[in-house]
Amino acid sequence: MSNQKLTRRERSNQARTTPIPPAAGNSSATPEESRHFKLGWWSLFVFVCLGIVLEGMLAFRVGWYMDVGDNETHRLMLRLGHAHGTLLSVLNIAFAASLARLSLPAIARTLASRCLTAATLLVPGGFILAGLVTYGPEPGLGIVLLPVGAILLLFGIFQVARNTGK
């Protein structure tokens, strides 16, 4: 190899063909980090797919979804499930990404992890189940999952917030 300096194009070609090594921190990821990255990205995929299905039902004017009256409750509950699920998915990814920077005690880390996982399933799940079967203008029985998920979400966020900056 000569001592000649590479041109910009040669450096660009070399950068494209050189594999990028994994980040140093990836091999030492904690179980919570791995779980929340996986949960966050997979649930984000599911809830974005749900959003696409809802948009499709809107575009094709599916009667079950579009007709006025009782179906308004279907629409509202399903949209709320999609929106909350998407937001909680992103929260899981943010939680996983911030675990390496936070010095949470083991008990707080475990509690926050379990609460956020449960909330990610219960909150949007409650909305979606409540929207699939409605009783007139009232949501279905799945709505009872919502307060439990909301309390767990608050408790998980509290665990992280209380132990941040110590």
C-alpha atoms as a PDB file:
ATOM      1  CA  MET A   1       0.000   0.000   0.000  1.00  0.00           C
ATOM      2  CA  SER A   2       1.356   3.403  -0.893  1.00  0.00           C
ATOM      3  CA  ASN A   3       1.494   6.453   1.319  1.00  0.00           C
ATOM      4  CA  GLN A   4      -0.750   8.308  -1.108  1.00  0.00           C
ATOM      5  CA  LYS A   5      -3.726  10.015   0.518  1.00  0.00           C
ATOM      6  CA  LEU A   6      -7.137   8.576  -0.419  1.00  0.00           C
ATOM      7  CA  THR A   7      -9.524  10.761  -2.384  1.00  0.00           C
ATOM      8  CA  ARG A   8     -12.906  11.675  -0.993  1.00  0.00           C
ATOM      9  CA  ARG A   9     -14.607   9.183  -3.319  1.00  0.00           C
ATOM     10  CA  GLU A  10     -12.238   6.382  -2.275  1.00  0.00           C
ATOM     11  CA  ARG A  11     -12.861   7.122   1.424  1.00  0.00           C
ATOM     12  CA  SER A  12     -16.616   7.116   0.778  1.00  0.00           C
ATOM     13  CA  ASN A  13     -16.435   3.773  -1.034  1.00  0.00           C
ATOM     14  CA  GLN A  14     -14.286   2.329   1.727  1.00  0.00           C
ATOM     15  CA  ALA A  15     -16.765   3.510   4.386  1.00  0.00           C
ATOM     16  CA  ARG A  16     -19.655   1.856   2.531  1.00  0.00           C
ATOM     17  CA  THR A  17     -17.924  -1.497   2.278  1.00  0.00           C
ATOM     18  CA  THR A  18     -16.414  -1.590   5.777  1.00  0.00           C
ATOM     19  CA  PRO A  19     -18.778  -3.318   8.219  1.00  0.00           C
ATOM     20  CA  ILE A  20     -19.771  -1.248  11.222  1.00  0.00           C
ATOM     21  CA  PRO A  21     -18.775  -2.991  14.454  1.00  0.00           C
ATOM     22  CA  PRO A  22     -21.422  -3.201  17.174  1.00  0.00           C
ATOM     23  CA  ALA A  23     -21.308  -0.525  19.836  1.00  0.00           C
ATOM     24  CA  ALA A  24     -19.215  -1.378  22.877  1.00  0.00           C
ATOM     25  CA  GLY A  25     -22.198  -1.210  25.238  1.00  0.00           C
ATOM     26  CA  ASN A  26     -24.403  -3.666  23.320  1.00  0.00           C
ATOM     27  CA  SER A  27     -22.655  -6.801  24.518  1.00  0.00           C
ATOM     28  CA  SER A  28     -23.181  -5.879  28.158  1.00  0.00           C
ATOM     29  CA  ALA A  29     -26.858  -4.941  27.911  1.00  0.00           C
ATOM     30  CA  THR A  30     -28.838  -5.744  31.039  1.00  0.00           C
ATOM     31  CA  PRO A  31     -31.888  -8.011  30.786  1.00  0.00           C
ATOM     32  CA  GLU A  32     -34.148  -4.980  31.296  1.00  0.00           C
ATOM     33  CA  GLU A  33     -32.490  -3.081  28.450  1.00  0.00           C
ATOM     34  CA  SER A  34     -32.851  -6.017  26.084  1.00  0.00           C
ATOM     35  CA  ARG A  35     -36.438  -6.678  27.141  1.00  0.00           C
ATOM     36  CA  HIS A  36     -37.542  -3.058  26.746  1.00  0.00           C
ATOM     37  CA  PHE A  37     -35.784  -2.554  23.420  1.00  0.00           C
ATOM     38  CA  LYS A  38     -37.440  -5.708  22.105  1.00  0.00           C
ATOM     39  CA  LEU A  39     -40.847  -4.881  23.624  1.00  0.00           C
ATOM     40  CA  GLY A  40     -40.643  -1.271  22.461  1.00  0.00           C
ATOM     41  CA  TRP A  41     -39.740  -1.995  18.865  1.00  0.00           C
ATOM     42  CA  TRP A  42     -42.127  -4.940  18.443  1.00  0.00           C
ATOM     43  CA  SER A  43     -45.046  -3.145  20.063  1.00  0.00           C
ATOM     44  CA  LEU A  44     -44.280  -0.058  17.957  1.00  0.00           C
ATOM     45  CA  PHE A  45     -44.486  -2.281  14.884  1.00  0.00           C
ATOM     46  CA  VAL A  46     -47.831  -3.746  16.041  1.00  0.00           C
ATOM     47  CA  PHE A  47     -49.400  -0.388  16.893  1.00  0.00           C
ATOM     48  CA  VAL A  48     -48.235   1.269  13.675  1.00  0.00           C
ATOM     49  CA  CYS A  49     -49.775  -1.679  11.793  1.00  0.00           C
ATOM     50  CA  LEU A  50     -52.983  -1.124  13.767  1.00  0.00           C
ATOM     51  CA  GLY A  51     -52.893   2.534  12.723  1.00  0.00           C
ATOM     52  CA  ILE A  52     -52.535   1.514   9.087  1.00  0.00           C
ATOM     53  CA  VAL A  53     -55.499  -0.874   9.415  1.00  0.00           C
ATOM     54  CA  LEU A  54     -57.592   1.889  11.009  1.00  0.00           C
ATOM     55  CA  GLU A  55     -56.642   4.269   8.188  1.00  0.00           C
ATOM     56  CA  GLY A  56     -57.576   1.567   5.682  1.00  0.00           C
ATOM     57  CA  MET A  57     -60.997   1.120   7.294  1.00  0.00           C
ATOM     58  CA  LEU A  58     -61.432   4.873   7.133  1.00  0.00           C
ATOM     59  CA  ALA A  59     -60.338   5.038   3.485  1.00  0.00           C
ATOM     60  CA  PHE A  60     -62.597   2.167   2.395  1.00  0.00           C
ATOM     61  CA  ARG A  61     -65.505   3.376   4.525  1.00  0.00           C
ATOM     62  CA  VAL A  62     -65.930   0.085   6.381  1.00  0.00           C
ATOM     63  CA  GLY A  63     -69.407   0.266   7.901  1.00  0.00           C
ATOM     64  CA  TRP A  64     -68.472  -1.304  11.243  1.00  0.00           C
ATOM     65  CA  TYR A  65     -65.872   1.426  11.688  1.00  0.00           C
ATOM     66  CA  MET A  66     -67.466   4.401   9.943  1.00  0.00           C
ATOM     67  CA  ASP A  67     -71.222   4.363  10.513  1.00  0.00           C
ATOM     68  CA  VAL A  68     -72.438   6.970  12.973  1.00  0.00           C
ATOM     69  CA  GLY A  69     -74.051   6.028  16.249  1.00  0.00           C
ATOM     70  CA  ASP A  70     -72.654   3.183  18.279  1.00  0.00           C
ATOM     71  CA  ASN A  71     -69.695   2.789  15.936  1.00  0.00           C
ATOM     72  CA  GLU A  72     -68.379   6.133  17.096  1.00  0.00           C
ATOM     73  CA  THR A  73     -67.373   4.360  20.304  1.00  0.00           C
ATOM     74  CA  HIS A  74     -65.575   1.669  18.270  1.00  0.00           C
ATOM     75  CA  ARG A  75     -63.637   4.324  16.401  1.00  0.00           C
ATOM     76  CA  LEU A  76     -62.713   6.306  19.499  1.00  0.00           C
ATOM     77  CA  MET A  77     -61.560   3.311  21.541  1.00  0.00           C
ATOM     78  CA  LEU A  78     -59.501   1.828  18.693  1.00  0.00           C
ATOM     79  CA  ARG A  79     -57.849   5.175  17.948  1.00  0.00           C
ATOM     80  CA  LEU A  80     -57.059   5.646  21.633  1.00  0.00           C
ATOM     81  CA  GLY A  81     -55.580   2.137  21.782  1.00  0.00           C
ATOM     82  CA  HIS A  82     -53.401   2.850  18.748  1.00  0.00           C
ATOM     83  CA  ALA A  83     -52.222   6.225  20.068  1.00  0.00           C
ATOM     84  CA  HIS A  84     -51.488   5.037  23.608  1.00  0.00           C
ATOM     85  CA  GLY A  85     -49.808   1.873  22.344  1.00  0.00           C
ATOM     86  CA  THR A  86     -47.533   3.846  20.049  1.00  0.00           C
ATOM     87  CA  LEU A  87     -46.592   6.296  22.785  1.00  0.00           C
ATOM     88  CA  LEU A  88     -45.921   3.543  25.331  1.00  0.00           C
ATOM     89  CA  SER A  89     -43.789   1.702  22.770  1.00  0.00           C
ATOM     90  CA  VAL A  90     -41.611   4.778  22.370  1.00  0.00           C
ATOM     91  CA  LEU A  91     -41.491   5.124  26.173  1.00  0.00           C
ATOM     92  CA  ASN A  92     -40.132   1.559  26.423  1.00  0.00           C
ATOM     93  CA  ILE A  93     -37.418   2.347  23.890  1.00  0.00           C
ATOM     94  CA  ALA A  94     -36.514   5.532  25.786  1.00  0.00           C
ATOM     95  CA  PHE A  95     -36.455   3.620  29.077  1.00  0.00           C
ATOM     96  CA  ALA A  96     -34.130   0.979  27.616  1.00  0.00           C
ATOM     97  CA  ALA A  97     -31.857   3.635  26.140  1.00  0.00           C
ATOM     98  CA  SER A  98     -31.671   5.572  29.409  1.00  0.00           C
ATOM     99  CA  LEU A  99     -30.992   2.616  31.717  1.00  0.00           C
ATOM    100  CA  ALA A 100     -27.262   2.762  31.025  1.00  0.00           C
ATOM    101  CA  ARG A 101     -27.175   6.424  32.085  1.00  0.00           C
ATOM    102  CA  LEU A 102     -29.347   6.064  35.172  1.00  0.00           C
ATOM    103  CA  SER A 103     -28.045   4.640  38.402  1.00  0.00           C
ATOM    104  CA  LEU A 104     -31.282   3.065  39.546  1.00  0.00           C
ATOM    105  CA  PRO A 105     -31.175   0.733  42.519  1.00  0.00           C
ATOM    106  CA  ALA A 106     -31.919  -2.861  41.510  1.00  0.00           C
ATOM    107  CA  ILE A 107     -35.358  -2.879  43.159  1.00  0.00           C
ATOM    108  CA  ALA A 108     -36.408   0.388  41.461  1.00  0.00           C
ATOM    109  CA  ARG A 109     -35.100  -0.849  38.124  1.00  0.00           C
ATOM    110  CA  THR A 110     -37.052  -4.106  38.430  1.00  0.00           C
ATOM    111  CA  LEU A 111     -40.250  -2.399  39.604  1.00  0.00           C
ATOM    112  CA  ALA A 112     -40.091   0.223  36.865  1.00  0.00           C
ATOM    113  CA  SER A 113     -39.410  -2.444  34.247  1.00  0.00           C
ATOM    114  CA  ARG A 114     -42.308  -4.642  35.306  1.00  0.00           C
ATOM    115  CA  CYS A 115     -44.726  -1.737  35.660  1.00  0.00           C
ATOM    116  CA  LEU A 116     -43.859  -0.275  32.255  1.00  0.00           C
ATOM    117  CA  THR A 117     -44.160  -3.690  30.625  1.00  0.00           C
ATOM    118  CA  ALA A 118     -47.573  -4.304  32.179  1.00  0.00           C
ATOM    119  CA  ALA A 119     -48.777  -0.785  31.338  1.00  0.00           C
ATOM    120  CA  THR A 120     -47.700  -1.239  27.709  1.00  0.00           C
ATOM    121  CA  LEU A 121     -49.978  -4.248  27.504  1.00  0.00           C
ATOM    122  CA  LEU A 122     -52.884  -3.107  29.707  1.00  0.00           C
ATOM    123  CA  VAL A 123     -53.483   0.501  28.630  1.00  0.00           C
ATOM    124  CA  PRO A 124     -53.761   0.038  24.863  1.00  0.00           C
ATOM    125  CA  GLY A 125     -55.168  -3.464  25.361  1.00  0.00           C
ATOM    126  CA  GLY A 126     -57.974  -2.038  27.489  1.00  0.00           C
ATOM    127  CA  PHE A 127     -58.839   0.550  24.854  1.00  0.00           C
ATOM    128  CA  ILE A 128     -58.725  -1.972  22.016  1.00  0.00           C
ATOM    129  CA  LEU A 129     -60.806  -4.603  23.819  1.00  0.00           C
ATOM    130  CA  ALA A 130     -63.275  -1.898  24.849  1.00  0.00           C
ATOM    131  CA  GLY A 131     -63.609  -0.877  21.204  1.00  0.00           C
ATOM    132  CA  LEU A 132     -64.059  -4.311  19.712  1.00  0.00           C
ATOM    133  CA  VAL A 133     -67.274  -5.059  21.625  1.00  0.00           C
ATOM    134  CA  THR A 134     -69.320  -2.071  22.724  1.00  0.00           C
ATOM    135  CA  TYR A 135     -72.670  -1.747  24.483  1.00  0.00           C
ATOM    136  CA  GLY A 136     -74.423   1.030  22.661  1.00  0.00           C
ATOM    137  CA  PRO A 137     -72.458   4.200  23.248  1.00  0.00           C
ATOM    138  CA  GLU A 138     -70.629   2.576  26.179  1.00  0.00           C
ATOM    139  CA  PRO A 139     -67.223   0.913  25.767  1.00  0.00           C
ATOM    140  CA  GLY A 140     -66.828  -2.819  26.299  1.00  0.00           C
ATOM    141  CA  LEU A 141     -65.667  -4.538  29.473  1.00  0.00           C
ATOM    142  CA  GLY A 142     -62.029  -4.359  28.378  1.00  0.00           C
ATOM    143  CA  ILE A 143     -62.019  -0.792  29.652  1.00  0.00           C
ATOM    144  CA  VAL A 144     -61.523  -2.136  33.208  1.00  0.00           C
ATOM    145  CA  LEU A 145     -57.885  -2.886  32.257  1.00  0.00           C
ATOM    146  CA  LEU A 146     -57.227   0.795  31.688  1.00  0.00           C
ATOM    147  CA  PRO A 147     -57.148   2.095  35.307  1.00  0.00           C
ATOM    148  CA  VAL A 148     -54.883  -0.781  36.376  1.00  0.00           C
ATOM    149  CA  GLY A 149     -52.496  -0.066  33.501  1.00  0.00           C
ATOM    150  CA  ALA A 150     -52.570   3.672  34.222  1.00  0.00           C
ATOM    151  CA  ILE A 151     -51.677   3.143  37.893  1.00  0.00           C
ATOM    152  CA  LEU A 152     -48.838   0.791  36.940  1.00  0.00           C
ATOM    153  CA  LEU A 153     -47.581   3.325  34.393  1.00  0.00           C
ATOM    154  CA  LEU A 154     -47.562   6.087  36.994  1.00  0.00           C
ATOM    155  CA  PHE A 155     -45.807   3.859  39.514  1.00  0.00           C
ATOM    156  CA  GLY A 156     -43.140   2.849  36.974  1.00  0.00           C
ATOM    157  CA  ILE A 157     -42.491   6.443  35.945  1.00  0.00           C
ATOM    158  CA  PHE A 158     -42.365   7.456  39.617  1.00  0.00           C
ATOM    159  CA  GLN A 159     -39.708   4.801  40.307  1.00  0.00           C
ATOM    160  CA  VAL A 160     -37.488   6.210  37.573  1.00  0.00           C
ATOM    161  CA  ALA A 161     -38.140   9.868  38.420  1.00  0.00           C
ATOM    162  CA  ARG A 162     -37.568   9.367  42.159  1.00  0.00           C
ATOM    163  CA  ASN A 163     -34.211   7.713  41.600  1.00  0.00           C
ATOM    164  CA  THR A 164     -32.947  10.004  38.845  1.00  0.00           C
ATOM    165  CA  GLY A 165     -30.213  12.418  39.775  1.00  0.00           C
ATOM    166  CA  LYS A 166     -29.135  10.650  42.959  1.00  0.00           C
END
